[in-house]
Amino acid sequence: MYAIVESGGFQFNVKEGEKLRIPKLEAKPKDKITFDKVLFLGGEKPLIGAPYVKDAKVEAEVLSLGKTKKITVFKFKKVKYRRKKGHRQEYAEVRIDKIHAPLEMTN
């Protein structure tokens, strides 16, 4: 079984036991988090949400927090204009523990 969840304005395709990086979560390492915005559940009898699947949730554990490589943004025009800025995007690495399906999918 797999699910498509929404977090931080992004959609992620997740399976049990999978590790993924999610942008900026308010959590600490070893915290348990629950994604209740499940858009789709796939399996033998798939469920499509409108916009979310009712009573479906995905449980995960935060493994670590970190930052990606620095991204440099450089703007340039011929006549007296140069701007150099950059940033490092924060992320949380999570492991998907369990996907809970509603009763109508398990029957």
PDB file of N, CA and C in Angstrom:
ATOM      1  N   MET A   1       0.844  -1.168   0.000  1.00  0.00           N
ATOM      2  CA  MET A   1       0.000   0.000   0.000  1.00  0.00           C
ATOM      3  C   MET A   1       0.894   1.238   0.000  1.00  0.00           C
ATOM      4  N   TYR A   2       0.457   2.256  -0.704  1.00  0.00           N
ATOM      5  CA  TYR A   2       1.166   3.521  -0.703  1.00  0.00           C
ATOM      6  C   TYR A   2       0.157   4.651  -0.570  1.00  0.00           C
ATOM      7  N   ALA A   3       0.662   5.844  -0.268  1.00  0.00           N
ATOM      8  CA  ALA A   3      -0.214   6.996  -0.083  1.00  0.00           C
ATOM      9  C   ALA A   3       0.463   8.235  -0.645  1.00  0.00           C
ATOM     10  N   ILE A   4      -0.351   9.212  -0.984  1.00  0.00           N
ATOM     11  CA  ILE A   4       0.149  10.524  -1.367  1.00  0.00           C
ATOM     12  C   ILE A   4      -0.317  11.492  -0.294  1.00  0.00           C
ATOM     13  N   VAL A   5       0.654  12.119   0.402  1.00  0.00           N
ATOM     14  CA  VAL A   5       0.351  13.036   1.494  1.00  0.00           C
ATOM     15  C   VAL A   5       0.810  14.439   1.124  1.00  0.00           C
ATOM     16  N   GLU A   6       0.203  15.414   1.785  1.00  0.00           N
ATOM     17  CA  GLU A   6       0.552  16.810   1.567  1.00  0.00           C
ATOM     18  C   GLU A   6       1.204  17.351   2.833  1.00  0.00           C
ATOM     19  N   SER A   7       2.347  18.016   2.666  1.00  0.00           N
ATOM     20  CA  SER A   7       3.039  18.622   3.799  1.00  0.00           C
ATOM     21  C   SER A   7       3.845  19.811   3.303  1.00  0.00           C
ATOM     22  N   GLY A   8       3.659  20.941   3.931  1.00  0.00           N
ATOM     23  CA  GLY A   8       4.428  22.129   3.573  1.00  0.00           C
ATOM     24  C   GLY A   8       4.193  22.622   2.168  1.00  0.00           C
ATOM     25  N   GLY A   9       3.013  22.387   1.624  1.00  0.00           N
ATOM     26  CA  GLY A   9       2.710  22.832   0.273  1.00  0.00           C
ATOM     27  C   GLY A   9       3.210  21.898  -0.817  1.00  0.00           C
ATOM     28  N   PHE A  10       3.809  20.764  -0.432  1.00  0.00           N
ATOM     29  CA  PHE A  10       4.302  19.782  -1.387  1.00  0.00           C
ATOM     30  C   PHE A  10       3.546  18.472  -1.207  1.00  0.00           C
ATOM     31  N   GLN A  11       3.540  17.654  -2.255  1.00  0.00           N
ATOM     32  CA  GLN A  11       2.916  16.336  -2.195  1.00  0.00           C
ATOM     33  C   GLN A  11       4.006  15.277  -2.297  1.00  0.00           C
ATOM     34  N   PHE A  12       3.892  14.239  -1.450  1.00  0.00           N
ATOM     35  CA  PHE A  12       4.898  13.188  -1.408  1.00  0.00           C
ATOM     36  C   PHE A  12       4.230  11.832  -1.561  1.00  0.00           C
ATOM     37  N   ASN A  13       4.828  10.977  -2.386  1.00  0.00           N
ATOM     38  CA  ASN A  13       4.383   9.601  -2.547  1.00  0.00           C
ATOM     39  C   ASN A  13       5.158   8.765  -1.531  1.00  0.00           C
ATOM     40  N   VAL A  14       4.462   8.134  -0.562  1.00  0.00           N
ATOM     41  CA  VAL A  14       5.146   7.439   0.532  1.00  0.00           C
ATOM     42  C   VAL A  14       4.705   5.981   0.626  1.00  0.00           C
ATOM     43  N   LYS A  15       5.625   5.140   1.097  1.00  0.00           N
ATOM     44  CA  LYS A  15       5.360   3.734   1.392  1.00  0.00           C
ATOM     45  C   LYS A  15       5.886   3.453   2.795  1.00  0.00           C
ATOM     46  N   GLU A  16       5.398   2.397   3.424  1.00  0.00           N
ATOM     47  CA  GLU A  16       5.869   2.046   4.765  1.00  0.00           C
ATOM     48  C   GLU A  16       7.343   1.673   4.719  1.00  0.00           C
ATOM     49  N   GLY A  17       8.098   2.172   5.705  1.00  0.00           N
ATOM     50  CA  GLY A  17       9.520   1.885   5.801  1.00  0.00           C
ATOM     51  C   GLY A  17      10.399   2.810   4.977  1.00  0.00           C
ATOM     52  N   GLU A  18       9.813   3.681   4.174  1.00  0.00           N
ATOM     53  CA  GLU A  18      10.561   4.575   3.297  1.00  0.00           C
ATOM     54  C   GLU A  18      11.072   5.794   4.067  1.00  0.00           C
ATOM     55  N   LYS A  19      12.238   6.314   3.675  1.00  0.00           N
ATOM     56  CA  LYS A  19      12.783   7.542   4.244  1.00  0.00           C
ATOM     57  C   LYS A  19      12.676   8.646   3.197  1.00  0.00           C
ATOM     58  N   LEU A  20      12.301   9.848   3.643  1.00  0.00           N
ATOM     59  CA  LEU A  20      12.237  10.970   2.723  1.00  0.00           C
ATOM     60  C   LEU A  20      12.524  12.266   3.443  1.00  0.00           C
ATOM     61  N   ARG A  21      12.862  13.286   2.668  1.00  0.00           N
ATOM     62  CA  ARG A  21      13.163  14.606   3.222  1.00  0.00           C
ATOM     63  C   ARG A  21      11.998  15.545   2.947  1.00  0.00           C
ATOM     64  N   ILE A  22      11.497  16.153   4.019  1.00  0.00           N
ATOM     65  CA  ILE A  22      10.361  17.053   3.926  1.00  0.00           C
ATOM     66  C   ILE A  22      10.824  18.446   4.343  1.00  0.00           C
ATOM     67  N   PRO A  23      10.494  19.477   3.592  1.00  0.00           N
ATOM     68  CA  PRO A  23      10.941  20.825   3.939  1.00  0.00           C
ATOM     69  C   PRO A  23      10.366  21.308   5.265  1.00  0.00           C
ATOM     70  N   LYS A  24      11.239  21.790   6.118  1.00  0.00           N
ATOM     71  CA  LYS A  24      10.947  22.544   7.350  1.00  0.00           C
ATOM     72  C   LYS A  24       9.730  22.068   8.137  1.00  0.00           C
ATOM     73  N   LEU A  25       9.938  21.144   9.038  1.00  0.00           N
ATOM     74  CA  LEU A  25       8.904  20.700   9.971  1.00  0.00           C
ATOM     75  C   LEU A  25       9.226  21.229  11.359  1.00  0.00           C
ATOM     76  N   GLU A  26       8.216  21.571  12.116  1.00  0.00           N
ATOM     77  CA  GLU A  26       8.404  21.999  13.496  1.00  0.00           C
ATOM     78  C   GLU A  26       8.427  20.765  14.382  1.00  0.00           C
ATOM     79  N   ALA A  27       9.533  20.061  14.377  1.00  0.00           N
ATOM     80  CA  ALA A  27       9.666  18.838  15.167  1.00  0.00           C
ATOM     81  C   ALA A  27      11.133  18.650  15.526  1.00  0.00           C
ATOM     82  N   LYS A  28      11.363  17.756  16.478  1.00  0.00           N
ATOM     83  CA  LYS A  28      12.722  17.432  16.906  1.00  0.00           C
ATOM     84  C   LYS A  28      13.007  15.983  16.527  1.00  0.00           C
ATOM     85  N   PRO A  29      14.283  15.605  16.457  1.00  0.00           N
ATOM     86  CA  PRO A  29      14.597  14.206  16.157  1.00  0.00           C
ATOM     87  C   PRO A  29      13.942  13.250  17.161  1.00  0.00           C
ATOM     88  N   LYS A  30      13.491  12.107  16.672  1.00  0.00           N
ATOM     89  CA  LYS A  30      12.808  11.051  17.417  1.00  0.00           C
ATOM     90  C   LYS A  30      11.373  11.411  17.801  1.00  0.00           C
ATOM     91  N   ASP A  31      10.849  12.525  17.284  1.00  0.00           N
ATOM     92  CA  ASP A  31       9.435  12.866  17.484  1.00  0.00           C
ATOM     93  C   ASP A  31       8.578  12.038  16.543  1.00  0.00           C
ATOM     94  N   LYS A  32       7.393  11.667  16.988  1.00  0.00           N
ATOM     95  CA  LYS A  32       6.403  10.994  16.136  1.00  0.00           C
ATOM     96  C   LYS A  32       5.491  12.069  15.564  1.00  0.00           C
ATOM     97  N   ILE A  33       5.284  12.031  14.259  1.00  0.00           N
ATOM     98  CA  ILE A  33       4.380  12.986  13.628  1.00  0.00           C
ATOM     99  C   ILE A  33       3.328  12.227  12.827  1.00  0.00           C
ATOM    100  N   THR A  34       2.200  12.885  12.597  1.00  0.00           N
ATOM    101  CA  THR A  34       1.100  12.285  11.857  1.00  0.00           C
ATOM    102  C   THR A  34       0.705  13.216  10.719  1.00  0.00           C
ATOM    103  N   PHE A  35       0.649  12.657   9.520  1.00  0.00           N
ATOM    104  CA  PHE A  35       0.164  13.394   8.359  1.00  0.00           C
ATOM    105  C   PHE A  35      -1.299  13.010   8.166  1.00  0.00           C
ATOM    106  N   ASP A  36      -2.194  13.974   8.365  1.00  0.00           N
ATOM    107  CA  ASP A  36      -3.622  13.672   8.203  1.00  0.00           C
ATOM    108  C   ASP A  36      -4.166  14.186   6.875  1.00  0.00           C
ATOM    109  N   LYS A  37      -3.343  14.884   6.103  1.00  0.00           N
ATOM    110  CA  LYS A  37      -3.760  15.349   4.781  1.00  0.00           C
ATOM    111  C   LYS A  37      -3.342  14.308   3.746  1.00  0.00           C
ATOM    112  N   VAL A  38      -4.117  13.251   3.661  1.00  0.00           N
ATOM    113  CA  VAL A  38      -3.847  12.160   2.721  1.00  0.00           C
ATOM    114  C   VAL A  38      -4.724  12.373   1.495  1.00  0.00           C
ATOM    115  N   LEU A  39      -4.094  12.527   0.335  1.00  0.00           N
ATOM    116  CA  LEU A  39      -4.823  12.811  -0.906  1.00  0.00           C
ATOM    117  C   LEU A  39      -5.257  11.550  -1.639  1.00  0.00           C
ATOM    118  N   PHE A  40      -4.475  10.462  -1.481  1.00  0.00           N
ATOM    119  CA  PHE A  40      -4.726   9.253  -2.249  1.00  0.00           C
ATOM    120  C   PHE A  40      -4.160   8.058  -1.500  1.00  0.00           C
ATOM    121  N   LEU A  41      -4.897   6.968  -1.501  1.00  0.00           N
ATOM    122  CA  LEU A  41      -4.410   5.698  -0.963  1.00  0.00           C
ATOM    123  C   LEU A  41      -4.453   4.671  -2.081  1.00  0.00           C
ATOM    124  N   GLY A  42      -3.314   4.054  -2.345  1.00  0.00           N
ATOM    125  CA  GLY A  42      -3.240   3.080  -3.418  1.00  0.00           C
ATOM    126  C   GLY A  42      -3.122   1.678  -2.873  1.00  0.00           C
ATOM    127  N   GLY A  43      -3.614   0.729  -3.599  1.00  0.00           N
ATOM    128  CA  GLY A  43      -3.584  -0.673  -3.213  1.00  0.00           C
ATOM    129  C   GLY A  43      -4.542  -1.435  -4.114  1.00  0.00           C
ATOM    130  N   GLU A  44      -5.152  -2.499  -3.566  1.00  0.00           N
ATOM    131  CA  GLU A  44      -6.120  -3.261  -4.357  1.00  0.00           C
ATOM    132  C   GLU A  44      -7.361  -2.441  -4.671  1.00  0.00           C
ATOM    133  N   LYS A  45      -7.837  -1.698  -3.659  1.00  0.00           N
ATOM    134  CA  LYS A  45      -8.991  -0.820  -3.848  1.00  0.00           C
ATOM    135  C   LYS A  45      -8.547   0.612  -3.559  1.00  0.00           C
ATOM    136  N   PRO A  46      -8.086   1.370  -4.568  1.00  0.00           N
ATOM    137  CA  PRO A  46      -7.585   2.722  -4.312  1.00  0.00           C
ATOM    138  C   PRO A  46      -8.692   3.674  -3.882  1.00  0.00           C
ATOM    139  N   LEU A  47      -8.312   4.646  -3.056  1.00  0.00           N
ATOM    140  CA  LEU A  47      -9.235   5.687  -2.596  1.00  0.00           C
ATOM    141  C   LEU A  47      -8.683   7.041  -2.998  1.00  0.00           C
ATOM    142  N   ILE A  48      -9.527   7.858  -3.601  1.00  0.00           N
ATOM    143  CA  ILE A  48      -9.146   9.204  -3.999  1.00  0.00           C
ATOM    144  C   ILE A  48      -9.896  10.169  -3.106  1.00  0.00           C
ATOM    145  N   GLY A  49      -9.177  11.112  -2.522  1.00  0.00           N
ATOM    146  CA  GLY A  49      -9.795  12.085  -1.629  1.00  0.00           C
ATOM    147  C   GLY A  49     -10.426  13.234  -2.384  1.00  0.00           C
ATOM    148  N   ALA A  50     -11.328  13.927  -1.700  1.00  0.00           N
ATOM    149  CA  ALA A  50     -11.987  15.082  -2.302  1.00  0.00           C
ATOM    150  C   ALA A  50     -12.071  16.209  -1.280  1.00  0.00           C
ATOM    151  N   PRO A  51     -11.066  16.951  -0.940  1.00  0.00           N
ATOM    152  CA  PRO A  51      -9.680  16.860  -1.392  1.00  0.00           C
ATOM    153  C   PRO A  51      -8.843  15.844  -0.600  1.00  0.00           C
ATOM    154  N   TYR A  52      -9.291  15.444   0.600  1.00  0.00           N
ATOM    155  CA  TYR A  52      -8.515  14.494   1.406  1.00  0.00           C
ATOM    156  C   TYR A  52      -9.340  13.247   1.685  1.00  0.00           C
ATOM    157  N   VAL A  53      -8.658  12.128   1.900  1.00  0.00           N
ATOM    158  CA  VAL A  53      -9.331  10.875   2.244  1.00  0.00           C
ATOM    159  C   VAL A  53      -9.718  10.945   3.716  1.00  0.00           C
ATOM    160  N   LYS A  54     -11.005  10.748   3.994  1.00  0.00           N
ATOM    161  CA  LYS A  54     -11.515  10.840   5.354  1.00  0.00           C
ATOM    162  C   LYS A  54     -10.998   9.666   6.189  1.00  0.00           C
ATOM    163  N   ASP A  55     -10.579   9.934   7.422  1.00  0.00           N
ATOM    164  CA  ASP A  55     -10.112   8.946   8.408  1.00  0.00           C
ATOM    165  C   ASP A  55      -8.821   8.237   7.991  1.00  0.00           C
ATOM    166  N   ALA A  56      -8.085   8.778   7.061  1.00  0.00           N
ATOM    167  CA  ALA A  56      -6.797   8.181   6.678  1.00  0.00           C
ATOM    168  C   ALA A  56      -5.683   9.030   7.274  1.00  0.00           C
ATOM    169  N   LYS A  57      -4.615   8.373   7.722  1.00  0.00           N
ATOM    170  CA  LYS A  57      -3.470   9.102   8.251  1.00  0.00           C
ATOM    171  C   LYS A  57      -2.208   8.272   8.063  1.00  0.00           C
ATOM    172  N   VAL A  58      -1.092   8.973   8.093  1.00  0.00           N
ATOM    173  CA  VAL A  58       0.211   8.340   7.925  1.00  0.00           C
ATOM    174  C   VAL A  58       1.059   8.739   9.121  1.00  0.00           C
ATOM    175  N   GLU A  59       1.611   7.740   9.819  1.00  0.00           N
ATOM    176  CA  GLU A  59       2.465   7.995  10.973  1.00  0.00           C
ATOM    177  C   GLU A  59       3.919   7.904  10.553  1.00  0.00           C
ATOM    178  N   ALA A  60       4.741   8.829  11.075  1.00  0.00           N
ATOM    179  CA  ALA A  60       6.158   8.854  10.738  1.00  0.00           C
ATOM    180  C   ALA A  60       6.972   9.269  11.957  1.00  0.00           C
ATOM    181  N   GLU A  61       8.277   9.014  11.881  1.00  0.00           N
ATOM    182  CA  GLU A  61       9.202   9.406  12.941  1.00  0.00           C
ATOM    183  C   GLU A  61      10.281  10.281  12.321  1.00  0.00           C
ATOM    184  N   VAL A  62      10.601  11.394  12.999  1.00  0.00           N
ATOM    185  CA  VAL A  62      11.641  12.300  12.524  1.00  0.00           C
ATOM    186  C   VAL A  62      12.994  11.693  12.878  1.00  0.00           C
ATOM    187  N   LEU A  63      13.834  11.469  11.877  1.00  0.00           N
ATOM    188  CA  LEU A  63      15.159  10.896  12.102  1.00  0.00           C
ATOM    189  C   LEU A  63      16.205  11.976  12.347  1.00  0.00           C
ATOM    190  N   SER A  64      16.197  13.024  11.538  1.00  0.00           N
ATOM    191  CA  SER A  64      17.182  14.093  11.705  1.00  0.00           C
ATOM    192  C   SER A  64      16.679  15.375  11.048  1.00  0.00           C
ATOM    193  N   LEU A  65      17.311  16.474  11.440  1.00  0.00           N
ATOM    194  CA  LEU A  65      17.052  17.780  10.841  1.00  0.00           C
ATOM    195  C   LEU A  65      18.336  18.238  10.170  1.00  0.00           C
ATOM    196  N   GLY A  66      18.228  19.019   9.113  1.00  0.00           N
ATOM    197  CA  GLY A  66      19.437  19.478   8.445  1.00  0.00           C
ATOM    198  C   GLY A  66      19.154  20.563   7.437  1.00  0.00           C
ATOM    199  N   LYS A  67      20.204  20.912   6.692  1.00  0.00           N
ATOM    200  CA  LYS A  67      20.103  21.910   5.631  1.00  0.00           C
ATOM    201  C   LYS A  67      20.726  21.334   4.364  1.00  0.00           C
ATOM    202  N   THR A  68      20.190  21.731   3.220  1.00  0.00           N
ATOM    203  CA  THR A  68      20.725  21.282   1.940  1.00  0.00           C
ATOM    204  C   THR A  68      21.965  22.105   1.586  1.00  0.00           C
ATOM    205  N   LYS A  69      22.562  21.821   0.435  1.00  0.00           N
ATOM    206  CA  LYS A  69      23.689  22.612  -0.052  1.00  0.00           C
ATOM    207  C   LYS A  69      23.235  24.044  -0.309  1.00  0.00           C
ATOM    208  N   LYS A  70      24.168  24.960  -0.219  1.00  0.00           N
ATOM    209  CA  LYS A  70      23.845  26.358  -0.440  1.00  0.00           C
ATOM    210  C   LYS A  70      23.534  26.612  -1.913  1.00  0.00           C
ATOM    211  N   ILE A  71      22.473  27.361  -2.146  1.00  0.00           N
ATOM    212  CA  ILE A  71      22.065  27.758  -3.485  1.00  0.00           C
ATOM    213  C   ILE A  71      22.422  29.229  -3.651  1.00  0.00           C
ATOM    214  N   THR A  72      23.147  29.562  -4.704  1.00  0.00           N
ATOM    215  CA  THR A  72      23.537  30.941  -4.971  1.00  0.00           C
ATOM    216  C   THR A  72      22.608  31.524  -6.029  1.00  0.00           C
ATOM    217  N   VAL A  73      22.071  32.707  -5.737  1.00  0.00           N
ATOM    218  CA  VAL A  73      21.202  33.419  -6.671  1.00  0.00           C
ATOM    219  C   VAL A  73      21.953  34.683  -7.080  1.00  0.00           C
ATOM    220  N   PHE A  74      22.277  34.791  -8.356  1.00  0.00           N
ATOM    221  CA  PHE A  74      23.044  35.931  -8.855  1.00  0.00           C
ATOM    222  C   PHE A  74      22.258  36.611  -9.964  1.00  0.00           C
ATOM    223  N   LYS A  75      21.939  37.891  -9.754  1.00  0.00           N
ATOM    224  CA  LYS A  75      21.214  38.677 -10.756  1.00  0.00           C
ATOM    225  C   LYS A  75      22.184  39.708 -11.340  1.00  0.00           C
ATOM    226  N   PHE A  76      22.141  39.881 -12.646  1.00  0.00           N
ATOM    227  CA  PHE A  76      23.096  40.756 -13.304  1.00  0.00           C
ATOM    228  C   PHE A  76      22.445  41.440 -14.500  1.00  0.00           C
ATOM    229  N   LYS A  77      22.700  42.740 -14.613  1.00  0.00           N
ATOM    230  CA  LYS A  77      22.335  43.486 -15.813  1.00  0.00           C
ATOM    231  C   LYS A  77      23.557  44.303 -16.226  1.00  0.00           C
ATOM    232  N   LYS A  78      23.647  44.628 -17.462  1.00  0.00           N
ATOM    233  CA  LYS A  78      24.836  45.309 -17.980  1.00  0.00           C
ATOM    234  C   LYS A  78      25.125  46.639 -17.279  1.00  0.00           C
ATOM    235  N   VAL A  79      24.078  47.372 -16.950  1.00  0.00           N
ATOM    236  CA  VAL A  79      24.259  48.734 -16.452  1.00  0.00           C
ATOM    237  C   VAL A  79      24.107  48.763 -14.927  1.00  0.00           C
ATOM    238  N   LYS A  80      25.213  48.692 -14.200  1.00  0.00           N
ATOM    239  CA  LYS A  80      25.289  48.933 -12.746  1.00  0.00           C
ATOM    240  C   LYS A  80      24.288  48.153 -11.906  1.00  0.00           C
ATOM    241  N   TYR A  81      24.138  46.873 -12.146  1.00  0.00           N
ATOM    242  CA  TYR A  81      23.222  46.105 -11.310  1.00  0.00           C
ATOM    243  C   TYR A  81      23.770  44.704 -11.126  1.00  0.00           C
ATOM    244  N   ARG A  82      24.130  44.385  -9.903  1.00  0.00           N
ATOM    245  CA  ARG A  82      24.560  43.033  -9.537  1.00  0.00           C
ATOM    246  C   ARG A  82      24.048  42.720  -8.147  1.00  0.00           C
ATOM    247  N   ARG A  83      23.458  41.569  -7.987  1.00  0.00           N
ATOM    248  CA  ARG A  83      22.990  41.117  -6.678  1.00  0.00           C
ATOM    249  C   ARG A  83      23.387  39.663  -6.508  1.00  0.00           C
ATOM    250  N   LYS A  84      24.042  39.372  -5.418  1.00  0.00           N
ATOM    251  CA  LYS A  84      24.432  37.992  -5.134  1.00  0.00           C
ATOM    252  C   LYS A  84      23.887  37.637  -3.762  1.00  0.00           C
ATOM    253  N   LYS A  85      22.984  36.680  -3.745  1.00  0.00           N
ATOM    254  CA  LYS A  85      22.387  36.193  -2.509  1.00  0.00           C
ATOM    255  C   LYS A  85      22.350  34.675  -2.569  1.00  0.00           C
ATOM    256  N   GLY A  86      22.082  34.067  -1.450  1.00  0.00           N
ATOM    257  CA  GLY A  86      21.963  32.618  -1.420  1.00  0.00           C
ATOM    258  C   GLY A  86      21.229  32.182  -0.171  1.00  0.00           C
ATOM    259  N   HIS A  87      20.874  30.918  -0.141  1.00  0.00           N
ATOM    260  CA  HIS A  87      20.222  30.378   1.049  1.00  0.00           C
ATOM    261  C   HIS A  87      20.405  28.865   1.094  1.00  0.00           C
ATOM    262  N   ARG A  88      20.172  28.299   2.265  1.00  0.00           N
ATOM    263  CA  ARG A  88      20.197  26.856   2.458  1.00  0.00           C
ATOM    264  C   ARG A  88      18.828  26.448   2.973  1.00  0.00           C
ATOM    265  N   GLN A  89      18.168  25.562   2.249  1.00  0.00           N
ATOM    266  CA  GLN A  89      16.824  25.118   2.606  1.00  0.00           C
ATOM    267  C   GLN A  89      16.891  24.123   3.762  1.00  0.00           C
ATOM    268  N   GLU A  90      16.078  24.337   4.784  1.00  0.00           N
ATOM    269  CA  GLU A  90      16.009  23.410   5.916  1.00  0.00           C
ATOM    270  C   GLU A  90      15.095  22.247   5.567  1.00  0.00           C
ATOM    271  N   TYR A  91      15.406  21.071   6.116  1.00  0.00           N
ATOM    272  CA  TYR A  91      14.582  19.892   5.877  1.00  0.00           C
ATOM    273  C   TYR A  91      14.576  19.005   7.109  1.00  0.00           C
ATOM    274  N   ALA A  92      13.622  18.092   7.133  1.00  0.00           N
ATOM    275  CA  ALA A  92      13.542  17.055   8.158  1.00  0.00           C
ATOM    276  C   ALA A  92      13.512  15.711   7.442  1.00  0.00           C
ATOM    277  N   GLU A  93      14.381  14.805   7.848  1.00  0.00           N
ATOM    278  CA  GLU A  93      14.376  13.462   7.274  1.00  0.00           C
ATOM    279  C   GLU A  93      13.462  12.597   8.139  1.00  0.00           C
ATOM    280  N   VAL A  94      12.457  11.987   7.527  1.00  0.00           N
ATOM    281  CA  VAL A  94      11.478  11.182   8.258  1.00  0.00           C
ATOM    282  C   VAL A  94      11.417   9.774   7.700  1.00  0.00           C
ATOM    283  N   ARG A  95      11.017   8.839   8.565  1.00  0.00           N
ATOM    284  CA  ARG A  95      10.788   7.454   8.152  1.00  0.00           C
ATOM    285  C   ARG A  95       9.309   7.159   8.338  1.00  0.00           C
ATOM    286  N   ILE A  96       8.670   6.638   7.308  1.00  0.00           N
ATOM    287  CA  ILE A  96       7.247   6.325   7.357  1.00  0.00           C
ATOM    288  C   ILE A  96       7.073   5.006   8.110  1.00  0.00           C
ATOM    289  N   ASP A  97       6.318   5.049   9.217  1.00  0.00           N
ATOM    290  CA  ASP A  97       6.118   3.861  10.047  1.00  0.00           C
ATOM    291  C   ASP A  97       4.867   3.087   9.661  1.00  0.00           C
ATOM    292  N   LYS A  98       3.732   3.791   9.523  1.00  0.00           N
ATOM    293  CA  LYS A  98       2.465   3.096   9.322  1.00  0.00           C
ATOM    294  C   LYS A  98       1.527   3.954   8.492  1.00  0.00           C
ATOM    295  N   ILE A  99       0.799   3.304   7.596  1.00  0.00           N
ATOM    296  CA  ILE A  99      -0.259   3.969   6.825  1.00  0.00           C
ATOM    297  C   ILE A  99      -1.587   3.403   7.302  1.00  0.00           C
ATOM    298  N   HIS A 100      -2.424   4.261   7.875  1.00  0.00           N
ATOM    299  CA  HIS A 100      -3.735   3.840   8.384  1.00  0.00           C
ATOM    300  C   HIS A 100      -4.803   4.148   7.347  1.00  0.00           C
ATOM    301  N   ALA A 101      -5.478   3.110   6.883  1.00  0.00           N
ATOM    302  CA  ALA A 101      -6.545   3.268   5.902  1.00  0.00           C
ATOM    303  C   ALA A 101      -7.896   3.280   6.619  1.00  0.00           C
ATOM    304  N   PRO A 102      -8.894   3.971   6.085  1.00  0.00           N
ATOM    305  CA  PRO A 102     -10.240   3.927   6.674  1.00  0.00           C
ATOM    306  C   PRO A 102     -10.858   2.552   6.496  1.00  0.00           C
ATOM    307  N   LEU A 103     -11.926   2.296   7.217  1.00  0.00           N
ATOM    308  CA  LEU A 103     -12.580   0.994   7.208  1.00  0.00           C
ATOM    309  C   LEU A 103     -13.100   0.595   5.834  1.00  0.00           C
ATOM    310  N   GLU A 104     -13.573   1.564   5.053  1.00  0.00           N
ATOM    311  CA  GLU A 104     -14.165   1.230   3.745  1.00  0.00           C
ATOM    312  C   GLU A 104     -13.129   0.644   2.779  1.00  0.00           C
ATOM    313  N   MET A 105     -11.843   0.935   2.987  1.00  0.00           N
ATOM    314  CA  MET A 105     -10.816   0.388   2.110  1.00  0.00           C
ATOM    315  C   MET A 105     -10.429  -1.029   2.537  1.00  0.00           C
ATOM    316  N   THR A 106     -10.487  -1.313   3.823  1.00  0.00           N
ATOM    317  CA  THR A 106     -10.075  -2.616   4.325  1.00  0.00           C
ATOM    318  C   THR A 106     -11.144  -3.680   4.135  1.00  0.00           C
ATOM    319  N   ASN A 107     -12.392  -3.270   3.915  1.00  0.00           N
ATOM    320  CA  ASN A 107     -13.480  -4.253   3.722  1.00  0.00           C
ATOM    321  C   ASN A 107     -13.487  -4.808   2.328  1.00  0.00           C
TER     322      ASN A 107
END
